[in-house]
PDB file of N, CA and C in Angstrom:
ATOM      1  N   MET A   1     132.554 178.216 155.477  1.00  0.00           N
ATOM      2  CA  MET A   1     133.348 179.830 155.388  1.00  0.00           C
ATOM      3  C   MET A   1     133.007 180.902 156.113  1.00  0.00           C
ATOM      4  N   GLY A   2     133.756 181.240 157.084  1.00  0.00           N
ATOM      5  CA  GLY A   2     133.619 182.282 158.244  1.00  0.00           C
ATOM      6  C   GLY A   2     133.049 181.518 159.199  1.00  0.00           C
ATOM      7  N   ARG A   3     132.503 179.926 159.006  1.00  0.00           N
ATOM      8  CA  ARG A   3     132.016 179.637 160.123  1.00  0.00           C
ATOM      9  C   ARG A   3     133.225 179.183 161.415  1.00  0.00           C
ATOM     10  N   ILE A   4     133.005 179.000 162.755  1.00  0.00           N
ATOM     11  CA  ILE A   4     134.347 178.409 163.715  1.00  0.00           C
ATOM     12  C   ILE A   4     133.788 176.818 163.300  1.00  0.00           C
ATOM     13  N   SER A   5     134.423 176.090 163.325  1.00  0.00           N
ATOM     14  CA  SER A   5     133.931 174.625 163.604  1.00  0.00           C
ATOM     15  C   SER A   5     134.243 174.138 164.974  1.00  0.00           C
ATOM     16  N   LYS A   6     133.088 173.306 165.262  1.00  0.00           N
ATOM     17  CA  LYS A   6     132.658 173.003 166.283  1.00  0.00           C
ATOM     18  C   LYS A   6     132.079 171.646 166.074  1.00  0.00           C
ATOM     19  N   PRO A   7     132.452 170.593 166.773  1.00  0.00           N
ATOM     20  CA  PRO A   7     132.601 169.203 166.426  1.00  0.00           C
ATOM     21  C   PRO A   7     131.006 168.667 166.502  1.00  0.00           C
ATOM     22  N   ILE A   8     130.722 167.881 165.557  1.00  0.00           N
ATOM     23  CA  ILE A   8     129.149 167.597 165.220  1.00  0.00           C
ATOM     24  C   ILE A   8     129.297 166.124 166.851  1.00  0.00           C
ATOM     25  N   VAL A   9     127.764 166.506 166.969  1.00  0.00           N
ATOM     26  CA  VAL A   9     127.618 165.632 168.272  1.00  0.00           C
ATOM     27  C   VAL A   9     126.031 164.822 167.941  1.00  0.00           C
ATOM     28  N   ASN A  10     126.820 163.523 168.637  1.00  0.00           N
ATOM     29  CA  ASN A  10     125.175 162.839 168.431  1.00  0.00           C
ATOM     30  C   ASN A  10     123.895 163.281 169.349  1.00  0.00           C
ATOM     31  N   ASP A  11     122.893 164.438 168.638  1.00  0.00           N
ATOM     32  CA  ASP A  11     122.129 164.693 169.051  1.00  0.00           C
ATOM     33  C   ASP A  11     121.521 165.653 167.759  1.00  0.00           C
ATOM     34  N   MET A  12     120.089 165.361 167.425  1.00  0.00           N
ATOM     35  CA  MET A  12     118.958 165.844 166.349  1.00  0.00           C
ATOM     36  C   MET A  12     118.936 167.394 166.727  1.00  0.00           C
ATOM     37  N   GLU A  13     118.742 167.679 167.359  1.00  0.00           N
ATOM     38  CA  GLU A  13     118.550 168.919 167.031  1.00  0.00           C
ATOM     39  C   GLU A  13     119.309 169.820 166.727  1.00  0.00           C
ATOM     40  N   LYS A  14     120.317 169.620 167.933  1.00  0.00           N
ATOM     41  CA  LYS A  14     121.498 169.814 167.366  1.00  0.00           C
ATOM     42  C   LYS A  14     122.537 169.829 165.683  1.00  0.00           C
ATOM     43  N   LEU A  15     121.816 168.976 165.334  1.00  0.00           N
ATOM     44  CA  LEU A  15     122.257 167.739 163.840  1.00  0.00           C
ATOM     45  C   LEU A  15     121.648 168.925 162.766  1.00  0.00           C
ATOM     46  N   SER A  16     120.317 168.991 163.441  1.00  0.00           N
ATOM     47  CA  SER A  16     119.447 169.757 162.393  1.00  0.00           C
ATOM     48  C   SER A  16     119.748 171.028 162.178  1.00  0.00           C
ATOM     49  N   GLU A  17     120.218 171.719 163.461  1.00  0.00           N
ATOM     50  CA  GLU A  17     121.227 172.941 163.467  1.00  0.00           C
ATOM     51  C   GLU A  17     122.171 173.351 162.702  1.00  0.00           C
ATOM     52  N   PHE A  18     122.992 172.687 162.453  1.00  0.00           N
ATOM     53  CA  PHE A  18     124.613 172.270 162.031  1.00  0.00           C
ATOM     54  C   PHE A  18     124.059 172.060 160.359  1.00  0.00           C
ATOM     55  N   SER A  19     123.385 171.657 159.664  1.00  0.00           N
ATOM     56  CA  SER A  19     122.816 170.874 158.560  1.00  0.00           C
ATOM     57  C   SER A  19     122.038 172.323 158.071  1.00  0.00           C
ATOM     58  N   SER A  20     121.362 172.792 158.352  1.00  0.00           N
ATOM     59  CA  SER A  20     120.875 174.141 157.742  1.00  0.00           C
ATOM     60  C   SER A  20     120.895 175.211 157.095  1.00  0.00           C
ATOM     61  N   PHE A  21     120.111 175.204 155.985  1.00  0.00           N
ATOM     62  CA  PHE A  21     120.457 176.208 154.672  1.00  0.00           C
ATOM     63  C   PHE A  21     120.899 177.422 155.657  1.00  0.00           C
ATOM     64  N   ASP A  22     120.514 178.111 156.768  1.00  0.00           N
ATOM     65  CA  ASP A  22     121.041 179.227 157.500  1.00  0.00           C
ATOM     66  C   ASP A  22     119.217 179.588 157.230  1.00  0.00           C
ATOM     67  N   ARG A  23     119.111 181.213 157.022  1.00  0.00           N
ATOM     68  CA  ARG A  23     118.217 181.502 156.909  1.00  0.00           C
ATOM     69  C   ARG A  23     117.498 181.236 155.511  1.00  0.00           C
ATOM     70  N   ASN A  24     118.321 181.102 154.608  1.00  0.00           N
ATOM     71  CA  ASN A  24     117.728 180.837 153.169  1.00  0.00           C
ATOM     72  C   ASN A  24     116.644 180.343 152.583  1.00  0.00           C
ATOM     73  N   VAL A  25     115.471 181.044 151.866  1.00  0.00           N
ATOM     74  CA  VAL A  25     114.535 180.601 151.008  1.00  0.00           C
ATOM     75  C   VAL A  25     114.790 180.191 149.608  1.00  0.00           C
ATOM     76  N   ASP A  26     115.612 180.284 149.445  1.00  0.00           N
ATOM     77  CA  ASP A  26     116.166 179.746 147.425  1.00  0.00           C
ATOM     78  C   ASP A  26     117.404 179.621 148.441  1.00  0.00           C
ATOM     79  N   PHE A  27     118.210 178.598 147.197  1.00  0.00           N
ATOM     80  CA  PHE A  27     119.211 177.425 147.666  1.00  0.00           C
ATOM     81  C   PHE A  27     120.104 179.077 147.062  1.00  0.00           C
ATOM     82  N   MET A  28     120.622 179.730 146.433  1.00  0.00           N
ATOM     83  CA  MET A  28     121.776 180.805 146.051  1.00  0.00           C
ATOM     84  C   MET A  28     121.440 182.228 147.637  1.00  0.00           C
ATOM     85  N   GLY A  29     120.320 181.873 148.266  1.00  0.00           N
ATOM     86  CA  GLY A  29     120.257 183.411 148.862  1.00  0.00           C
ATOM     87  C   GLY A  29     119.815 184.509 149.190  1.00  0.00           C
ATOM     88  N   ARG A  30     119.231 184.943 147.084  1.00  0.00           N
ATOM     89  CA  ARG A  30     118.232 185.697 146.888  1.00  0.00           C
ATOM     90  C   ARG A  30     117.005 185.963 147.681  1.00  0.00           C
ATOM     91  N   ILE A  31     116.399 185.148 148.388  1.00  0.00           N
ATOM     92  CA  ILE A  31     115.297 185.345 149.220  1.00  0.00           C
ATOM     93  C   ILE A  31     115.800 184.998 150.856  1.00  0.00           C
ATOM     94  N   VAL A  32     115.600 185.400 151.714  1.00  0.00           N
ATOM     95  CA  VAL A  32     115.986 184.574 153.145  1.00  0.00           C
ATOM     96  C   VAL A  32     114.606 185.295 154.051  1.00  0.00           C
ATOM     97  N   TYR A  33     114.843 183.931 155.287  1.00  0.00           N
ATOM     98  CA  TYR A  33     113.449 184.247 155.983  1.00  0.00           C
ATOM     99  C   TYR A  33     114.357 185.451 157.217  1.00  0.00           C
ATOM    100  N   ASP A  34     113.526 186.707 157.199  1.00  0.00           N
ATOM    101  CA  ASP A  34     114.019 187.718 158.582  1.00  0.00           C
ATOM    102  C   ASP A  34     113.903 187.154 159.994  1.00  0.00           C
ATOM    103  N   GLU A  35     114.106 187.545 161.012  1.00  0.00           N
ATOM    104  CA  GLU A  35     114.228 187.297 162.615  1.00  0.00           C
ATOM    105  C   GLU A  35     112.624 187.283 162.322  1.00  0.00           C
ATOM    106  N   ASN A  36     111.399 187.129 162.150  1.00  0.00           N
ATOM    107  CA  ASN A  36     109.746 187.416 161.854  1.00  0.00           C
ATOM    108  C   ASN A  36     109.591 185.739 161.103  1.00  0.00           C
ATOM    109  N   ASP A  37     110.447 185.363 160.623  1.00  0.00           N
ATOM    110  CA  ASP A  37     110.341 184.135 159.672  1.00  0.00           C
ATOM    111  C   ASP A  37     109.529 184.863 158.361  1.00  0.00           C
ATOM    112  N   ILE A  38     109.693 186.112 158.033  1.00  0.00           N
ATOM    113  CA  ILE A  38     108.998 186.630 157.022  1.00  0.00           C
ATOM    114  C   ILE A  38     110.236 186.135 155.427  1.00  0.00           C
ATOM    115  N   GLU A  39     109.673 185.727 154.180  1.00  0.00           N
ATOM    116  CA  GLU A  39     110.031 185.835 153.797  1.00  0.00           C
ATOM    117  C   GLU A  39     111.110 187.049 152.798  1.00  0.00           C
ATOM    118  N   ILE A  40     112.473 187.723 152.882  1.00  0.00           N
ATOM    119  CA  ILE A  40     112.226 188.936 152.290  1.00  0.00           C
ATOM    120  C   ILE A  40     113.234 189.161 151.604  1.00  0.00           C
ATOM    121  N   PHE A  41     113.755 189.989 150.885  1.00  0.00           N
ATOM    122  CA  PHE A  41     114.730 190.222 149.160  1.00  0.00           C
ATOM    123  C   PHE A  41     116.005 190.536 150.081  1.00  0.00           C
ATOM    124  N   ASN A  42     117.015 189.312 149.550  1.00  0.00           N
ATOM    125  CA  ASN A  42     118.792 189.780 149.807  1.00  0.00           C
ATOM    126  C   ASN A  42     119.764 190.524 149.088  1.00  0.00           C
ATOM    127  N   PHE A  43     119.109 190.943 148.196  1.00  0.00           N
ATOM    128  CA  PHE A  43     120.032 191.445 147.097  1.00  0.00           C
ATOM    129  C   PHE A  43     119.179 192.792 146.703  1.00  0.00           C
ATOM    130  N   GLY A  44     119.884 193.714 146.117  1.00  0.00           N
ATOM    131  CA  GLY A  44     119.928 194.810 144.718  1.00  0.00           C
ATOM    132  C   GLY A  44     118.933 196.102 145.502  1.00  0.00           C
ATOM    133  N   LYS A  45     117.866 197.092 145.455  1.00  0.00           N
ATOM    134  CA  LYS A  45     116.911 197.982 145.717  1.00  0.00           C
ATOM    135  C   LYS A  45     116.427 197.385 147.000  1.00  0.00           C
ATOM    136  N   ASN A  46     115.388 196.148 147.183  1.00  0.00           N
ATOM    137  CA  ASN A  46     114.635 195.793 147.731  1.00  0.00           C
ATOM    138  C   ASN A  46     115.061 195.135 148.767  1.00  0.00           C
ATOM    139  N   LYS A  47     116.174 194.868 148.926  1.00  0.00           N
ATOM    140  CA  LYS A  47     117.095 194.318 150.020  1.00  0.00           C
ATOM    141  C   LYS A  47     116.540 194.222 150.840  1.00  0.00           C
ATOM    142  N   GLY A  48     116.365 193.510 152.227  1.00  0.00           N
ATOM    143  CA  GLY A  48     115.336 193.786 153.301  1.00  0.00           C
ATOM    144  C   GLY A  48     114.025 194.015 153.476  1.00  0.00           C
ATOM    145  N   MET A  49     113.278 194.358 152.466  1.00  0.00           N
ATOM    146  CA  MET A  49     111.880 194.275 152.195  1.00  0.00           C
ATOM    147  C   MET A  49     111.361 193.525 152.081  1.00  0.00           C
ATOM    148  N   PRO A  50     110.096 192.924 152.203  1.00  0.00           N
ATOM    149  CA  PRO A  50     109.186 191.854 152.491  1.00  0.00           C
ATOM    150  C   PRO A  50     108.645 191.193 151.063  1.00  0.00           C
ATOM    151  N   VAL A  51     109.048 189.664 150.744  1.00  0.00           N
ATOM    152  CA  VAL A  51     108.880 190.143 148.918  1.00  0.00           C
ATOM    153  C   VAL A  51     107.409 190.125 149.158  1.00  0.00           C
ATOM    154  N   GLU A  52     106.425 189.776 150.093  1.00  0.00           N
ATOM    155  CA  GLU A  52     105.124 189.964 149.643  1.00  0.00           C
ATOM    156  C   GLU A  52     104.929 191.845 149.156  1.00  0.00           C
ATOM    157  N   LYS A  53     105.190 192.474 149.999  1.00  0.00           N
ATOM    158  CA  LYS A  53     104.896 194.257 150.283  1.00  0.00           C
ATOM    159  C   LYS A  53     105.483 194.415 148.858  1.00  0.00           C
ATOM    160  N   VAL A  54     107.045 193.760 147.887  1.00  0.00           N
ATOM    161  CA  VAL A  54     107.746 194.748 147.047  1.00  0.00           C
ATOM    162  C   VAL A  54     106.602 193.662 146.055  1.00  0.00           C
ATOM    163  N   LEU A  55     106.209 192.848 146.027  1.00  0.00           N
ATOM    164  CA  LEU A  55     105.347 191.972 144.667  1.00  0.00           C
ATOM    165  C   LEU A  55     104.275 192.714 144.734  1.00  0.00           C
ATOM    166  N   LYS A  56     103.635 193.462 146.009  1.00  0.00           N
ATOM    167  CA  LYS A  56     102.424 194.352 145.739  1.00  0.00           C
ATOM    168  C   LYS A  56     102.178 195.647 145.159  1.00  0.00           C
ATOM    169  N   GLU A  57     103.957 195.753 145.405  1.00  0.00           N
ATOM    170  CA  GLU A  57     103.795 197.738 145.459  1.00  0.00           C
ATOM    171  C   GLU A  57     104.640 197.461 144.260  1.00  0.00           C
ATOM    172  N   GLN A  58     105.436 196.521 144.221  1.00  0.00           N
ATOM    173  CA  GLN A  58     106.540 197.197 142.039  1.00  0.00           C
ATOM    174  C   GLN A  58     106.101 196.113 141.891  1.00  0.00           C
ATOM    175  N   PRO A  59     104.753 195.833 141.091  1.00  0.00           N
ATOM    176  CA  PRO A  59     104.097 193.911 140.433  1.00  0.00           C
ATOM    177  C   PRO A  59     105.638 194.224 139.030  1.00  0.00           C
ATOM    178  N   GLY A  60     106.451 195.392 138.664  1.00  0.00           N
ATOM    179  CA  GLY A  60     106.893 194.767 137.392  1.00  0.00           C
ATOM    180  C   GLY A  60     108.333 193.669 137.761  1.00  0.00           C
ATOM    181  N   TYR A  61     107.989 194.079 139.112  1.00  0.00           N
ATOM    182  CA  TYR A  61     109.678 193.888 139.990  1.00  0.00           C
ATOM    183  C   TYR A  61     109.443 192.182 139.270  1.00  0.00           C
ATOM    184  N   TYR A  62     108.550 191.565 139.787  1.00  0.00           N
ATOM    185  CA  TYR A  62     108.421 190.039 139.573  1.00  0.00           C
ATOM    186  C   TYR A  62     108.749 189.520 137.758  1.00  0.00           C
ATOM    187  N   GLY A  63     108.183 190.784 136.609  1.00  0.00           N
ATOM    188  CA  GLY A  63     108.424 189.909 135.388  1.00  0.00           C
ATOM    189  C   GLY A  63     110.526 189.840 135.416  1.00  0.00           C
ATOM    190  N   TRP A  64     111.094 191.497 135.760  1.00  0.00           N
ATOM    191  CA  TRP A  64     111.878 191.917 135.823  1.00  0.00           C
ATOM    192  C   TRP A  64     112.881 190.281 136.479  1.00  0.00           C
ATOM    193  N   ILE A  65     112.267 189.916 137.570  1.00  0.00           N
ATOM    194  CA  ILE A  65     112.654 188.633 138.064  1.00  0.00           C
ATOM    195  C   ILE A  65     113.176 187.268 137.324  1.00  0.00           C
ATOM    196  N   MET A  66     111.506 187.157 136.793  1.00  0.00           N
ATOM    197  CA  MET A  66     111.134 186.044 136.081  1.00  0.00           C
ATOM    198  C   MET A  66     112.151 185.818 134.568  1.00  0.00           C
ATOM    199  N   ASN A  67     112.497 187.548 133.791  1.00  0.00           N
ATOM    200  CA  ASN A  67     112.777 187.560 132.537  1.00  0.00           C
ATOM    201  C   ASN A  67     114.461 187.747 132.763  1.00  0.00           C
ATOM    202  N   GLY A  68     115.258 187.424 133.813  1.00  0.00           N
ATOM    203  CA  GLY A  68     116.658 187.970 134.371  1.00  0.00           C
ATOM    204  C   GLY A  68     116.839 186.583 134.399  1.00  0.00           C
ATOM    205  N   ASP A  69     118.286 187.286 134.606  1.00  0.00           N
ATOM    206  CA  ASP A  69     119.476 185.397 134.598  1.00  0.00           C
ATOM    207  C   ASP A  69     119.561 185.100 135.954  1.00  0.00           C
ATOM    208  N   PHE A  70     118.839 184.325 136.492  1.00  0.00           N
ATOM    209  CA  PHE A  70     117.986 184.251 137.913  1.00  0.00           C
ATOM    210  C   PHE A  70     117.667 182.607 137.545  1.00  0.00           C
ATOM    211  N   PRO A  71     118.519 182.494 138.575  1.00  0.00           N
ATOM    212  CA  PRO A  71     118.303 180.399 138.912  1.00  0.00           C
ATOM    213  C   PRO A  71     116.858 179.901 139.022  1.00  0.00           C
ATOM    214  N   LEU A  72     116.343 178.600 138.349  1.00  0.00           N
ATOM    215  CA  LEU A  72     115.327 178.863 138.331  1.00  0.00           C
ATOM    216  C   LEU A  72     114.854 178.350 139.283  1.00  0.00           C
ATOM    217  N   TYR A  73     115.172 177.883 140.100  1.00  0.00           N
ATOM    218  CA  TYR A  73     114.760 177.283 141.680  1.00  0.00           C
ATOM    219  C   TYR A  73     114.158 179.239 142.072  1.00  0.00           C
ATOM    220  N   THR A  74     114.888 179.927 142.184  1.00  0.00           N
ATOM    221  CA  THR A  74     115.027 181.520 143.201  1.00  0.00           C
ATOM    222  C   THR A  74     113.364 182.121 142.489  1.00  0.00           C
ATOM    223  N   LYS A  75     113.416 181.820 141.204  1.00  0.00           N
ATOM    224  CA  LYS A  75     112.358 181.872 140.184  1.00  0.00           C
ATOM    225  C   LYS A  75     110.977 181.027 140.516  1.00  0.00           C
ATOM    226  N   LYS A  76     111.110 179.831 140.689  1.00  0.00           N
ATOM    227  CA  LYS A  76     110.036 178.999 141.522  1.00  0.00           C
ATOM    228  C   LYS A  76     109.690 179.373 142.835  1.00  0.00           C
ATOM    229  N   VAL A  77     110.575 179.905 143.478  1.00  0.00           N
ATOM    230  CA  VAL A  77     109.647 180.247 144.791  1.00  0.00           C
ATOM    231  C   VAL A  77     109.419 182.028 144.903  1.00  0.00           C
ATOM    232  N   LEU A  78     110.462 182.666 144.050  1.00  0.00           N
ATOM    233  CA  LEU A  78     109.154 183.832 143.982  1.00  0.00           C
ATOM    234  C   LEU A  78     107.646 183.441 143.579  1.00  0.00           C
ATOM    235  N   THR A  79     107.562 182.478 142.803  1.00  0.00           N
ATOM    236  CA  THR A  79     106.275 182.537 142.083  1.00  0.00           C
ATOM    237  C   THR A  79     104.941 182.059 143.081  1.00  0.00           C
ATOM    238  N   ALA A  80     106.140 180.754 143.982  1.00  0.00           N
ATOM    239  CA  ALA A  80     105.483 180.275 144.854  1.00  0.00           C
ATOM    240  C   ALA A  80     104.798 181.199 146.239  1.00  0.00           C
ATOM    241  N   ILE A  81     106.115 182.367 146.835  1.00  0.00           N
ATOM    242  CA  ILE A  81     105.429 182.925 147.102  1.00  0.00           C
ATOM    243  C   ILE A  81     104.418 184.043 146.562  1.00  0.00           C
ATOM    244  N   LYS A  82     104.312 184.633 145.238  1.00  0.00           N
ATOM    245  CA  LYS A  82     103.401 185.928 144.839  1.00  0.00           C
ATOM    246  C   LYS A  82     102.199 184.649 144.339  1.00  0.00           C
ATOM    247  N   LEU A  83     101.899 183.607 144.622  1.00  0.00           N
ATOM    248  CA  LEU A  83     100.621 182.311 144.431  1.00  0.00           C
ATOM    249  C   LEU A  83     100.225 182.812 145.935  1.00  0.00           C
ATOM    250  N   ARG A  84     101.263 182.717 146.966  1.00  0.00           N
ATOM    251  CA  ARG A  84     100.642 182.578 148.443  1.00  0.00           C
ATOM    252  C   ARG A  84      99.782 183.647 148.733  1.00  0.00           C
ATOM    253  N   ALA A  85     100.266 184.615 148.479  1.00  0.00           N
ATOM    254  CA  ALA A  85      99.965 185.785 148.153  1.00  0.00           C
ATOM    255  C   ALA A  85      98.239 186.402 147.738  1.00  0.00           C
ATOM    256  N   PHE A  86      98.846 185.949 146.366  1.00  0.00           N
ATOM    257  CA  PHE A  86      97.236 186.438 145.718  1.00  0.00           C
ATOM    258  C   PHE A  86      96.181 185.460 146.315  1.00  0.00           C
ATOM    259  N   ASN A  87      96.313 184.107 147.147  1.00  0.00           N
ATOM    260  CA  ASN A  87      94.960 183.165 147.402  1.00  0.00           C
ATOM    261  C   ASN A  87      95.387 184.105 148.701  1.00  0.00           C
ATOM    262  N   LYS A  88      95.572 185.144 149.407  1.00  0.00           N
ATOM    263  CA  LYS A  88      94.800 184.796 151.430  1.00  0.00           C
ATOM    264  C   LYS A  88      93.647 186.405 151.195  1.00  0.00           C
TER     265      LYS A  88
END
């Protein structure tokens, strides 16, 4: 989808790069890694903002997502990020 086809080669590093999920943290790409490997939101009013920062500054945002029509895996990833930040 928008990618230019490249021949597949017998090289583990290249195969890993080819089969990766780009920079997605969750399957839907609602949370992605930025260039510094920080999880950021990839949608809505907080697009481009670090997830930990948003959860800290806007605690209701977590509840909004958890009560919303988001995929379960996205909710699981968000909860894991929240717990990790809480335990720092």
